[in-house]
Amino acid sequence: MGEAKRKRSQQAEVLNSCAGVQTLAGRVQVRWESKSAATPMGQLAYFIEFLTLTGLWARWLESCPLVYPSHNAPSKSDVLGTWMLSTLSGHRRYSHVTTIRCDGVNPIDSAK
């Protein structure tokens, strides 16, 4: 009986720690890791929501003169998103940007 109560309590804690965030790709559920002291990109989802809801991201894409004529080139939103995420991660050299390319946690894919 004690284990069942503990399990229900843990489930309730998980549900209470979830929050919905609006991004360009749609609504995303964010869950807090209550046992960790800090996470390196913990506030990233909320910053993306801020950029989306205020229209800052869309205005930045529209005003950017970046053009790639090749059909194999990445989209403008992918390039700018990778650059911004790299800057927010504290990278100071161009070579550090390559660490973001294959990131499975924070993918930059706003074209969907």
PDB file of N, CA and C in Angstrom:
ATOM      1  N   MET A   1       0.823  -1.190   0.000  1.00  0.00           N
ATOM      2  CA  MET A   1       0.000   0.000   0.000  1.00  0.00           C
ATOM      3  C   MET A   1       0.867   1.253   0.000  1.00  0.00           C
ATOM      4  N   GLY A   2       1.940   1.261   0.743  1.00  0.00           N
ATOM      5  CA  GLY A   2       2.818   2.419   0.777  1.00  0.00           C
ATOM      6  C   GLY A   2       3.483   2.690  -0.557  1.00  0.00           C
ATOM      7  N   GLU A   3       3.839   1.615  -1.272  1.00  0.00           N
ATOM      8  CA  GLU A   3       4.475   1.786  -2.577  1.00  0.00           C
ATOM      9  C   GLU A   3       3.513   2.385  -3.586  1.00  0.00           C
ATOM     10  N   ALA A   4       2.255   1.987  -3.541  1.00  0.00           N
ATOM     11  CA  ALA A   4       1.253   2.515  -4.465  1.00  0.00           C
ATOM     12  C   ALA A   4       1.050   4.014  -4.238  1.00  0.00           C
ATOM     13  N   LYS A   5       0.987   4.415  -2.971  1.00  0.00           N
ATOM     14  CA  LYS A   5       0.830   5.843  -2.654  1.00  0.00           C
ATOM     15  C   LYS A   5       2.038   6.640  -3.130  1.00  0.00           C
ATOM     16  N   ARG A   6       3.226   6.072  -2.931  1.00  0.00           N
ATOM     17  CA  ARG A   6       4.450   6.738  -3.350  1.00  0.00           C
ATOM     18  C   ARG A   6       4.483   6.894  -4.879  1.00  0.00           C
ATOM     19  N   LYS A   7       4.050   5.845  -5.579  1.00  0.00           N
ATOM     20  CA  LYS A   7       4.035   5.882  -7.036  1.00  0.00           C
ATOM     21  C   LYS A   7       3.035   6.930  -7.544  1.00  0.00           C
ATOM     22  N   ARG A   8       1.859   6.996  -6.926  1.00  0.00           N
ATOM     23  CA  ARG A   8       0.865   8.013  -7.309  1.00  0.00           C
ATOM     24  C   ARG A   8       1.391   9.416  -7.021  1.00  0.00           C
ATOM     25  N   SER A   9       2.082   9.556  -5.916  1.00  0.00           N
ATOM     26  CA  SER A   9       2.664  10.849  -5.555  1.00  0.00           C
ATOM     27  C   SER A   9       3.712  11.273  -6.584  1.00  0.00           C
ATOM     28  N   GLN A  10       4.538  10.336  -7.025  1.00  0.00           N
ATOM     29  CA  GLN A  10       5.550  10.627  -8.035  1.00  0.00           C
ATOM     30  C   GLN A  10       4.903  10.990  -9.364  1.00  0.00           C
ATOM     31  N   GLN A  11       3.826  10.285  -9.747  1.00  0.00           N
ATOM     32  CA  GLN A  11       3.127  10.590 -10.986  1.00  0.00           C
ATOM     33  C   GLN A  11       2.505  11.980 -10.923  1.00  0.00           C
ATOM     34  N   ALA A  12       1.921  12.321  -9.782  1.00  0.00           N
ATOM     35  CA  ALA A  12       1.329  13.651  -9.614  1.00  0.00           C
ATOM     36  C   ALA A  12       2.404  14.730  -9.697  1.00  0.00           C
ATOM     37  N   GLU A  13       3.571  14.455  -9.137  1.00  0.00           N
ATOM     38  CA  GLU A  13       4.673  15.412  -9.193  1.00  0.00           C
ATOM     39  C   GLU A  13       5.134  15.626 -10.631  1.00  0.00           C
ATOM     40  N   VAL A  14       5.194  14.551 -11.415  1.00  0.00           N
ATOM     41  CA  VAL A  14       5.584  14.666 -12.817  1.00  0.00           C
ATOM     42  C   VAL A  14       4.563  15.489 -13.583  1.00  0.00           C
ATOM     43  N   LEU A  15       3.278  15.243 -13.358  1.00  0.00           N
ATOM     44  CA  LEU A  15       2.234  16.001 -14.044  1.00  0.00           C
ATOM     45  C   LEU A  15       2.257  17.472 -13.660  1.00  0.00           C
ATOM     46  N   ASN A  16       2.520  17.753 -12.406  1.00  0.00           N
ATOM     47  CA  ASN A  16       2.586  19.144 -11.959  1.00  0.00           C
ATOM     48  C   ASN A  16       3.817  19.862 -12.493  1.00  0.00           C
ATOM     49  N   SER A  17       4.865  19.117 -12.808  1.00  0.00           N
ATOM     50  CA  SER A  17       6.096  19.748 -13.283  1.00  0.00           C
ATOM     51  C   SER A  17       6.111  19.936 -14.790  1.00  0.00           C
ATOM     52  N   CYS A  18       5.059  19.517 -15.508  1.00  0.00           N
ATOM     53  CA  CYS A  18       4.986  19.673 -16.961  1.00  0.00           C
ATOM     54  C   CYS A  18       4.331  21.006 -17.305  1.00  0.00           C
ATOM     55  N   ALA A  19       4.810  21.607 -18.369  1.00  0.00           N
ATOM     56  CA  ALA A  19       4.232  22.851 -18.863  1.00  0.00           C
ATOM     57  C   ALA A  19       4.227  22.813 -20.384  1.00  0.00           C
ATOM     58  N   GLY A  20       3.201  23.365 -20.983  1.00  0.00           N
ATOM     59  CA  GLY A  20       3.123  23.432 -22.431  1.00  0.00           C
ATOM     60  C   GLY A  20       3.774  24.696 -22.944  1.00  0.00           C
ATOM     61  N   VAL A  21       4.542  24.575 -24.009  1.00  0.00           N
ATOM     62  CA  VAL A  21       5.241  25.708 -24.599  1.00  0.00           C
ATOM     63  C   VAL A  21       4.949  25.722 -26.096  1.00  0.00           C
ATOM     64  N   GLN A  22       4.637  26.899 -26.636  1.00  0.00           N
ATOM     65  CA  GLN A  22       4.348  27.031 -28.058  1.00  0.00           C
ATOM     66  C   GLN A  22       5.639  27.336 -28.819  1.00  0.00           C
ATOM     67  N   THR A  23       5.967  26.515 -29.811  1.00  0.00           N
ATOM     68  CA  THR A  23       7.142  26.736 -30.650  1.00  0.00           C
ATOM     69  C   THR A  23       6.710  26.784 -32.104  1.00  0.00           C
ATOM     70  N   LEU A  24       7.642  27.036 -32.998  1.00  0.00           N
ATOM     71  CA  LEU A  24       7.323  27.080 -34.422  1.00  0.00           C
ATOM     72  C   LEU A  24       6.873  25.722 -34.938  1.00  0.00           C
ATOM     73  N   ALA A  25       7.384  24.659 -34.353  1.00  0.00           N
ATOM     74  CA  ALA A  25       7.027  23.307 -34.783  1.00  0.00           C
ATOM     75  C   ALA A  25       5.730  22.828 -34.142  1.00  0.00           C
ATOM     76  N   GLY A  26       5.137  23.605 -33.258  1.00  0.00           N
ATOM     77  CA  GLY A  26       3.908  23.228 -32.573  1.00  0.00           C
ATOM     78  C   GLY A  26       4.088  23.264 -31.063  1.00  0.00           C
ATOM     79  N   ARG A  27       3.096  22.766 -30.365  1.00  0.00           N
ATOM     80  CA  ARG A  27       3.130  22.772 -28.899  1.00  0.00           C
ATOM     81  C   ARG A  27       4.030  21.657 -28.389  1.00  0.00           C
ATOM     82  N   VAL A  28       4.865  21.976 -27.395  1.00  0.00           N
ATOM     83  CA  VAL A  28       5.829  21.042 -26.829  1.00  0.00           C
ATOM     84  C   VAL A  28       5.619  21.001 -25.321  1.00  0.00           C
ATOM     85  N   GLN A  29       5.698  19.813 -24.742  1.00  0.00           N
ATOM     86  CA  GLN A  29       5.599  19.668 -23.286  1.00  0.00           C
ATOM     87  C   GLN A  29       6.998  19.742 -22.684  1.00  0.00           C
ATOM     88  N   VAL A  30       7.150  20.570 -21.677  1.00  0.00           N
ATOM     89  CA  VAL A  30       8.424  20.733 -20.977  1.00  0.00           C
ATOM     90  C   VAL A  30       8.251  20.162 -19.581  1.00  0.00           C
ATOM     91  N   ARG A  31       9.180  19.305 -19.177  1.00  0.00           N
ATOM     92  CA  ARG A  31       9.113  18.697 -17.844  1.00  0.00           C
ATOM     93  C   ARG A  31      10.384  19.065 -17.083  1.00  0.00           C
ATOM     94  N   TRP A  32      10.212  19.534 -15.864  1.00  0.00           N
ATOM     95  CA  TRP A  32      11.342  19.920 -15.030  1.00  0.00           C
ATOM     96  C   TRP A  32      11.953  18.705 -14.369  1.00  0.00           C
ATOM     97  N   GLU A  33      13.266  18.692 -14.299  1.00  0.00           N
ATOM     98  CA  GLU A  33      14.008  17.659 -13.585  1.00  0.00           C
ATOM     99  C   GLU A  33      14.188  18.184 -12.169  1.00  0.00           C
ATOM    100  N   SER A  34      13.341  17.729 -11.253  1.00  0.00           N
ATOM    101  CA  SER A  34      13.332  18.301  -9.910  1.00  0.00           C
ATOM    102  C   SER A  34      14.549  17.916  -9.078  1.00  0.00           C
ATOM    103  N   LYS A  35      15.239  16.848  -9.441  1.00  0.00           N
ATOM    104  CA  LYS A  35      16.386  16.403  -8.651  1.00  0.00           C
ATOM    105  C   LYS A  35      17.700  17.030  -9.099  1.00  0.00           C
ATOM    106  N   SER A  36      17.707  17.682 -10.247  1.00  0.00           N
ATOM    107  CA  SER A  36      18.932  18.306 -10.748  1.00  0.00           C
ATOM    108  C   SER A  36      19.032  19.736 -10.233  1.00  0.00           C
ATOM    109  N   ALA A  37      20.252  20.159 -10.001  1.00  0.00           N
ATOM    110  CA  ALA A  37      20.469  21.533  -9.531  1.00  0.00           C
ATOM    111  C   ALA A  37      20.264  22.537 -10.666  1.00  0.00           C
ATOM    112  N   ALA A  38      20.726  22.196 -11.854  1.00  0.00           N
ATOM    113  CA  ALA A  38      20.594  23.089 -13.004  1.00  0.00           C
ATOM    114  C   ALA A  38      20.764  22.287 -14.282  1.00  0.00           C
ATOM    115  N   THR A  39      20.197  22.801 -15.362  1.00  0.00           N
ATOM    116  CA  THR A  39      20.382  22.182 -16.672  1.00  0.00           C
ATOM    117  C   THR A  39      20.982  23.219 -17.600  1.00  0.00           C
ATOM    118  N   PRO A  40      21.843  22.814 -18.528  1.00  0.00           N
ATOM    119  CA  PRO A  40      22.514  23.790 -19.379  1.00  0.00           C
ATOM    120  C   PRO A  40      21.569  24.531 -20.320  1.00  0.00           C
ATOM    121  N   MET A  41      20.531  23.888 -20.796  1.00  0.00           N
ATOM    122  CA  MET A  41      19.603  24.539 -21.726  1.00  0.00           C
ATOM    123  C   MET A  41      18.180  24.536 -21.180  1.00  0.00           C
ATOM    124  N   GLY A  42      18.038  24.640 -19.877  1.00  0.00           N
ATOM    125  CA  GLY A  42      16.738  24.528 -19.240  1.00  0.00           C
ATOM    126  C   GLY A  42      15.728  25.575 -19.665  1.00  0.00           C
ATOM    127  N   GLN A  43      16.154  26.770 -19.947  1.00  0.00           N
ATOM    128  CA  GLN A  43      15.233  27.845 -20.304  1.00  0.00           C
ATOM    129  C   GLN A  43      15.087  28.028 -21.813  1.00  0.00           C
ATOM    130  N   LEU A  44      15.717  27.178 -22.606  1.00  0.00           N
ATOM    131  CA  LEU A  44      15.699  27.337 -24.057  1.00  0.00           C
ATOM    132  C   LEU A  44      14.287  27.252 -24.623  1.00  0.00           C
ATOM    133  N   ALA A  45      13.483  26.333 -24.147  1.00  0.00           N
ATOM    134  CA  ALA A  45      12.114  26.183 -24.670  1.00  0.00           C
ATOM    135  C   ALA A  45      11.300  27.447 -24.441  1.00  0.00           C
ATOM    136  N   TYR A  46      11.484  28.088 -23.307  1.00  0.00           N
ATOM    137  CA  TYR A  46      10.743  29.312 -23.014  1.00  0.00           C
ATOM    138  C   TYR A  46      11.254  30.482 -23.850  1.00  0.00           C
ATOM    139  N   PHE A  47      12.536  30.504 -24.143  1.00  0.00           N
ATOM    140  CA  PHE A  47      13.085  31.550 -25.004  1.00  0.00           C
ATOM    141  C   PHE A  47      12.565  31.385 -26.432  1.00  0.00           C
ATOM    142  N   ILE A  48      12.467  30.146 -26.895  1.00  0.00           N
ATOM    143  CA  ILE A  48      11.918  29.890 -28.232  1.00  0.00           C
ATOM    144  C   ILE A  48      10.454  30.311 -28.280  1.00  0.00           C
ATOM    145  N   GLU A  49       9.714  30.036 -27.210  1.00  0.00           N
ATOM    146  CA  GLU A  49       8.320  30.480 -27.156  1.00  0.00           C
ATOM    147  C   GLU A  49       8.247  32.001 -27.219  1.00  0.00           C
ATOM    148  N   PHE A  50       9.114  32.682 -26.503  1.00  0.00           N
ATOM    149  CA  PHE A  50       9.152  34.148 -26.529  1.00  0.00           C
ATOM    150  C   PHE A  50       9.411  34.654 -27.946  1.00  0.00           C
ATOM    151  N   LEU A  51      10.398  34.085 -28.639  1.00  0.00           N
ATOM    152  CA  LEU A  51      10.713  34.508 -30.004  1.00  0.00           C
ATOM    153  C   LEU A  51       9.549  34.253 -30.952  1.00  0.00           C
ATOM    154  N   THR A  52       8.842  33.140 -30.748  1.00  0.00           N
ATOM    155  CA  THR A  52       7.719  32.782 -31.613  1.00  0.00           C
ATOM    156  C   THR A  52       6.523  33.701 -31.392  1.00  0.00           C
ATOM    157  N   LEU A  53       6.116  33.862 -30.140  1.00  0.00           N
ATOM    158  CA  LEU A  53       4.907  34.623 -29.840  1.00  0.00           C
ATOM    159  C   LEU A  53       5.057  36.118 -30.092  1.00  0.00           C
ATOM    160  N   THR A  54       6.249  36.652 -29.913  1.00  0.00           N
ATOM    161  CA  THR A  54       6.451  38.085 -30.152  1.00  0.00           C
ATOM    162  C   THR A  54       6.683  38.407 -31.621  1.00  0.00           C
ATOM    163  N   GLY A  55       6.959  37.397 -32.426  1.00  0.00           N
ATOM    164  CA  GLY A  55       7.217  37.623 -33.845  1.00  0.00           C
ATOM    165  C   GLY A  55       8.646  38.032 -34.157  1.00  0.00           C
ATOM    166  N   LEU A  56       9.505  38.032 -33.154  1.00  0.00           N
ATOM    167  CA  LEU A  56      10.895  38.425 -33.372  1.00  0.00           C
ATOM    168  C   LEU A  56      11.610  37.469 -34.331  1.00  0.00           C
ATOM    169  N   TRP A  57      11.322  36.180 -34.205  1.00  0.00           N
ATOM    170  CA  TRP A  57      11.972  35.192 -35.079  1.00  0.00           C
ATOM    171  C   TRP A  57      11.557  35.425 -36.533  1.00  0.00           C
ATOM    172  N   ALA A  58      10.258  35.603 -36.768  1.00  0.00           N
ATOM    173  CA  ALA A  58       9.764  35.813 -38.132  1.00  0.00           C
ATOM    174  C   ALA A  58      10.328  37.095 -38.731  1.00  0.00           C
ATOM    175  N   ARG A  59      10.397  38.158 -37.941  1.00  0.00           N
ATOM    176  CA  ARG A  59      10.951  39.420 -38.452  1.00  0.00           C
ATOM    177  C   ARG A  59      12.437  39.296 -38.747  1.00  0.00           C
ATOM    178  N   TRP A  60      13.163  38.532 -37.922  1.00  0.00           N
ATOM    179  CA  TRP A  60      14.593  38.340 -38.168  1.00  0.00           C
ATOM    180  C   TRP A  60      14.804  37.569 -39.469  1.00  0.00           C
ATOM    181  N   LEU A  61      14.006  36.536 -39.698  1.00  0.00           N
ATOM    182  CA  LEU A  61      14.121  35.775 -40.941  1.00  0.00           C
ATOM    183  C   LEU A  61      13.808  36.629 -42.161  1.00  0.00           C
ATOM    184  N   GLU A  62      12.778  37.462 -42.067  1.00  0.00           N
ATOM    185  CA  GLU A  62      12.394  38.321 -43.187  1.00  0.00           C
ATOM    186  C   GLU A  62      13.449  39.374 -43.496  1.00  0.00           C
ATOM    187  N   SER A  63      14.074  39.918 -42.465  1.00  0.00           N
ATOM    188  CA  SER A  63      15.030  41.006 -42.680  1.00  0.00           C
ATOM    189  C   SER A  63      16.444  40.535 -42.995  1.00  0.00           C
ATOM    190  N   CYS A  64      16.710  39.245 -42.833  1.00  0.00           N
ATOM    191  CA  CYS A  64      18.057  38.731 -43.084  1.00  0.00           C
ATOM    192  C   CYS A  64      18.305  38.598 -44.587  1.00  0.00           C
ATOM    193  N   PRO A  65      19.384  39.174 -45.091  1.00  0.00           N
ATOM    194  CA  PRO A  65      19.661  39.120 -46.531  1.00  0.00           C
ATOM    195  C   PRO A  65      20.353  37.828 -46.991  1.00  0.00           C
ATOM    196  N   LEU A  66      20.419  36.828 -46.137  1.00  0.00           N
ATOM    197  CA  LEU A  66      21.099  35.584 -46.456  1.00  0.00           C
ATOM    198  C   LEU A  66      20.354  34.836 -47.568  1.00  0.00           C
ATOM    199  N   VAL A  67      21.081  34.462 -48.634  1.00  0.00           N
ATOM    200  CA  VAL A  67      20.493  33.724 -49.752  1.00  0.00           C
ATOM    201  C   VAL A  67      21.478  32.669 -50.214  1.00  0.00           C
ATOM    202  N   TYR A  68      21.001  31.443 -50.321  1.00  0.00           N
ATOM    203  CA  TYR A  68      21.793  30.357 -50.880  1.00  0.00           C
ATOM    204  C   TYR A  68      21.100  29.895 -52.165  1.00  0.00           C
ATOM    205  N   PRO A  69      21.741  30.025 -53.323  1.00  0.00           N
ATOM    206  CA  PRO A  69      21.071  29.654 -54.580  1.00  0.00           C
ATOM    207  C   PRO A  69      21.002  28.142 -54.821  1.00  0.00           C
ATOM    208  N   SER A  70      21.792  27.357 -54.152  1.00  0.00           N
ATOM    209  CA  SER A  70      21.823  25.918 -54.380  1.00  0.00           C
ATOM    210  C   SER A  70      20.566  25.239 -53.828  1.00  0.00           C
ATOM    211  N   HIS A  71      20.106  24.198 -54.527  1.00  0.00           N
ATOM    212  CA  HIS A  71      18.959  23.435 -54.051  1.00  0.00           C
ATOM    213  C   HIS A  71      19.334  22.541 -52.866  1.00  0.00           C
ATOM    214  N   ASN A  72      20.620  22.295 -52.681  1.00  0.00           N
ATOM    215  CA  ASN A  72      21.089  21.465 -51.565  1.00  0.00           C
ATOM    216  C   ASN A  72      21.427  22.279 -50.325  1.00  0.00           C
ATOM    217  N   ALA A  73      21.274  23.572 -50.400  1.00  0.00           N
ATOM    218  CA  ALA A  73      21.636  24.445 -49.282  1.00  0.00           C
ATOM    219  C   ALA A  73      20.612  24.330 -48.153  1.00  0.00           C
ATOM    220  N   PRO A  74      21.052  24.556 -46.918  1.00  0.00           N
ATOM    221  CA  PRO A  74      20.101  24.553 -45.800  1.00  0.00           C
ATOM    222  C   PRO A  74      19.193  25.779 -45.875  1.00  0.00           C
ATOM    223  N   SER A  75      18.070  25.702 -45.200  1.00  0.00           N
ATOM    224  CA  SER A  75      17.153  26.848 -45.194  1.00  0.00           C
ATOM    225  C   SER A  75      17.733  27.978 -44.339  1.00  0.00           C
ATOM    226  N   LYS A  76      17.226  29.162 -44.583  1.00  0.00           N
ATOM    227  CA  LYS A  76      17.680  30.333 -43.826  1.00  0.00           C
ATOM    228  C   LYS A  76      17.379  30.161 -42.340  1.00  0.00           C
ATOM    229  N   SER A  77      16.227  29.582 -42.012  1.00  0.00           N
ATOM    230  CA  SER A  77      15.871  29.397 -40.598  1.00  0.00           C
ATOM    231  C   SER A  77      16.795  28.388 -39.922  1.00  0.00           C
ATOM    232  N   ASP A  78      17.255  27.374 -40.654  1.00  0.00           N
ATOM    233  CA  ASP A  78      18.188  26.409 -40.075  1.00  0.00           C
ATOM    234  C   ASP A  78      19.537  27.051 -39.779  1.00  0.00           C
ATOM    235  N   VAL A  79      20.011  27.875 -40.694  1.00  0.00           N
ATOM    236  CA  VAL A  79      21.311  28.535 -40.505  1.00  0.00           C
ATOM    237  C   VAL A  79      21.246  29.524 -39.345  1.00  0.00           C
ATOM    238  N   LEU A  80      20.225  30.373 -39.336  1.00  0.00           N
ATOM    239  CA  LEU A  80      20.114  31.369 -38.265  1.00  0.00           C
ATOM    240  C   LEU A  80      19.817  30.714 -36.914  1.00  0.00           C
ATOM    241  N   GLY A  81      19.018  29.654 -36.930  1.00  0.00           N
ATOM    242  CA  GLY A  81      18.716  28.948 -35.686  1.00  0.00           C
ATOM    243  C   GLY A  81      19.942  28.284 -35.092  1.00  0.00           C
ATOM    244  N   THR A  82      20.752  27.671 -35.950  1.00  0.00           N
ATOM    245  CA  THR A  82      21.986  27.045 -35.472  1.00  0.00           C
ATOM    246  C   THR A  82      22.939  28.094 -34.927  1.00  0.00           C
ATOM    247  N   TRP A  83      23.026  29.213 -35.610  1.00  0.00           N
ATOM    248  CA  TRP A  83      23.915  30.293 -35.165  1.00  0.00           C
ATOM    249  C   TRP A  83      23.452  30.847 -33.811  1.00  0.00           C
ATOM    250  N   MET A  84      22.147  31.048 -33.656  1.00  0.00           N
ATOM    251  CA  MET A  84      21.637  31.571 -32.386  1.00  0.00           C
ATOM    252  C   MET A  84      21.839  30.568 -31.254  1.00  0.00           C
ATOM    253  N   LEU A  85      21.544  29.301 -31.503  1.00  0.00           N
ATOM    254  CA  LEU A  85      21.722  28.282 -30.473  1.00  0.00           C
ATOM    255  C   LEU A  85      23.183  28.162 -30.067  1.00  0.00           C
ATOM    256  N   SER A  86      24.075  28.282 -31.030  1.00  0.00           N
ATOM    257  CA  SER A  86      25.501  28.228 -30.730  1.00  0.00           C
ATOM    258  C   SER A  86      25.911  29.416 -29.857  1.00  0.00           C
ATOM    259  N   THR A  87      25.396  30.586 -30.187  1.00  0.00           N
ATOM    260  CA  THR A  87      25.709  31.788 -29.399  1.00  0.00           C
ATOM    261  C   THR A  87      25.169  31.649 -27.976  1.00  0.00           C
ATOM    262  N   LEU A  88      23.929  31.144 -27.844  1.00  0.00           N
ATOM    263  CA  LEU A  88      23.343  30.952 -26.516  1.00  0.00           C
ATOM    264  C   LEU A  88      24.090  29.897 -25.705  1.00  0.00           C
ATOM    265  N   SER A  89      24.740  28.967 -26.408  1.00  0.00           N
ATOM    266  CA  SER A  89      25.516  27.922 -25.734  1.00  0.00           C
ATOM    267  C   SER A  89      26.879  28.424 -25.281  1.00  0.00           C
ATOM    268  N   GLY A  90      27.229  29.640 -25.654  1.00  0.00           N
ATOM    269  CA  GLY A  90      28.485  30.221 -25.217  1.00  0.00           C
ATOM    270  C   GLY A  90      29.660  29.963 -26.141  1.00  0.00           C
ATOM    271  N   HIS A  91      29.381  29.491 -27.341  1.00  0.00           N
ATOM    272  CA  HIS A  91      30.475  29.241 -28.279  1.00  0.00           C
ATOM    273  C   HIS A  91      31.044  30.558 -28.780  1.00  0.00           C
ATOM    274  N   ARG A  92      32.351  30.621 -28.851  1.00  0.00           N
ATOM    275  CA  ARG A  92      33.031  31.849 -29.259  1.00  0.00           C
ATOM    276  C   ARG A  92      33.793  31.700 -30.557  1.00  0.00           C
ATOM    277  N   ARG A  93      33.888  30.492 -31.052  1.00  0.00           N
ATOM    278  CA  ARG A  93      34.624  30.251 -32.293  1.00  0.00           C
ATOM    279  C   ARG A  93      33.711  29.551 -33.283  1.00  0.00           C
ATOM    280  N   TYR A  94      33.953  29.802 -34.562  1.00  0.00           N
ATOM    281  CA  TYR A  94      33.124  29.193 -35.594  1.00  0.00           C
ATOM    282  C   TYR A  94      33.209  27.666 -35.558  1.00  0.00           C
ATOM    283  N   SER A  95      34.370  27.147 -35.219  1.00  0.00           N
ATOM    284  CA  SER A  95      34.533  25.692 -35.186  1.00  0.00           C
ATOM    285  C   SER A  95      33.642  25.035 -34.130  1.00  0.00           C
ATOM    286  N   HIS A  96      33.231  25.787 -33.116  1.00  0.00           N
ATOM    287  CA  HIS A  96      32.366  25.236 -32.081  1.00  0.00           C
ATOM    288  C   HIS A  96      30.926  25.067 -32.565  1.00  0.00           C
ATOM    289  N   VAL A  97      30.565  25.788 -33.615  1.00  0.00           N
ATOM    290  CA  VAL A  97      29.206  25.691 -34.148  1.00  0.00           C
ATOM    291  C   VAL A  97      28.921  24.278 -34.641  1.00  0.00           C
ATOM    292  N   THR A  98      29.940  23.576 -35.088  1.00  0.00           N
ATOM    293  CA  THR A  98      29.737  22.224 -35.611  1.00  0.00           C
ATOM    294  C   THR A  98      29.243  21.256 -34.540  1.00  0.00           C
ATOM    295  N   THR A  99      29.430  21.579 -33.273  1.00  0.00           N
ATOM    296  CA  THR A  99      28.927  20.698 -32.214  1.00  0.00           C
ATOM    297  C   THR A  99      27.402  20.710 -32.148  1.00  0.00           C
ATOM    298  N   ILE A 100      26.765  21.741 -32.689  1.00  0.00           N
ATOM    299  CA  ILE A 100      25.313  21.866 -32.660  1.00  0.00           C
ATOM    300  C   ILE A 100      24.670  21.075 -33.802  1.00  0.00           C
ATOM    301  N   ARG A 101      25.386  20.828 -34.871  1.00  0.00           N
ATOM    302  CA  ARG A 101      24.801  20.234 -36.083  1.00  0.00           C
ATOM    303  C   ARG A 101      24.032  18.950 -35.844  1.00  0.00           C
ATOM    304  N   CYS A 102      24.566  18.049 -35.086  1.00  0.00           N
ATOM    305  CA  CYS A 102      23.934  16.735 -34.878  1.00  0.00           C
ATOM    306  C   CYS A 102      23.319  16.620 -33.493  1.00  0.00           C
ATOM    307  N   ASP A 103      22.928  17.729 -32.917  1.00  0.00           N
ATOM    308  CA  ASP A 103      22.333  17.729 -31.593  1.00  0.00           C
ATOM    309  C   ASP A 103      20.933  17.124 -31.662  1.00  0.00           C
ATOM    310  N   GLY A 104      20.721  16.033 -30.943  1.00  0.00           N
ATOM    311  CA  GLY A 104      19.421  15.387 -30.936  1.00  0.00           C
ATOM    312  C   GLY A 104      18.459  15.944 -29.920  1.00  0.00           C
ATOM    313  N   VAL A 105      18.948  16.773 -29.002  1.00  0.00           N
ATOM    314  CA  VAL A 105      18.099  17.320 -27.946  1.00  0.00           C
ATOM    315  C   VAL A 105      17.454  18.626 -28.378  1.00  0.00           C
ATOM    316  N   ASN A 106      18.210  19.514 -28.979  1.00  0.00           N
ATOM    317  CA  ASN A 106      17.719  20.831 -29.375  1.00  0.00           C
ATOM    318  C   ASN A 106      17.829  21.015 -30.887  1.00  0.00           C
ATOM    319  N   PRO A 107      17.103  20.250 -31.676  1.00  0.00           N
ATOM    320  CA  PRO A 107      17.218  20.411 -33.125  1.00  0.00           C
ATOM    321  C   PRO A 107      16.606  21.720 -33.583  1.00  0.00           C
ATOM    322  N   ILE A 108      17.223  22.322 -34.565  1.00  0.00           N
ATOM    323  CA  ILE A 108      16.714  23.550 -35.158  1.00  0.00           C
ATOM    324  C   ILE A 108      16.029  23.150 -36.462  1.00  0.00           C
ATOM    325  N   ASP A 109      14.724  23.024 -36.425  1.00  0.00           N
ATOM    326  CA  ASP A 109      13.981  22.656 -37.616  1.00  0.00           C
ATOM    327  C   ASP A 109      12.650  23.388 -37.572  1.00  0.00           C
ATOM    328  N   SER A 110      12.679  24.662 -37.901  1.00  0.00           N
ATOM    329  CA  SER A 110      11.472  25.477 -37.795  1.00  0.00           C
ATOM    330  C   SER A 110      10.698  25.556 -39.093  1.00  0.00           C
ATOM    331  N   ALA A 111      11.158  24.870 -40.136  1.00  0.00           N
ATOM    332  CA  ALA A 111      10.492  24.949 -41.423  1.00  0.00           C
ATOM    333  C   ALA A 111       9.216  24.115 -41.456  1.00  0.00           C
ATOM    334  N   LYS A 112       9.013  23.250 -40.488  1.00  0.00           N
ATOM    335  CA  LYS A 112       7.841  22.351 -40.512  1.00  0.00           C
ATOM    336  C   LYS A 112       6.581  23.044 -40.083  1.00  0.00           C
TER     337      LYS A 112
END
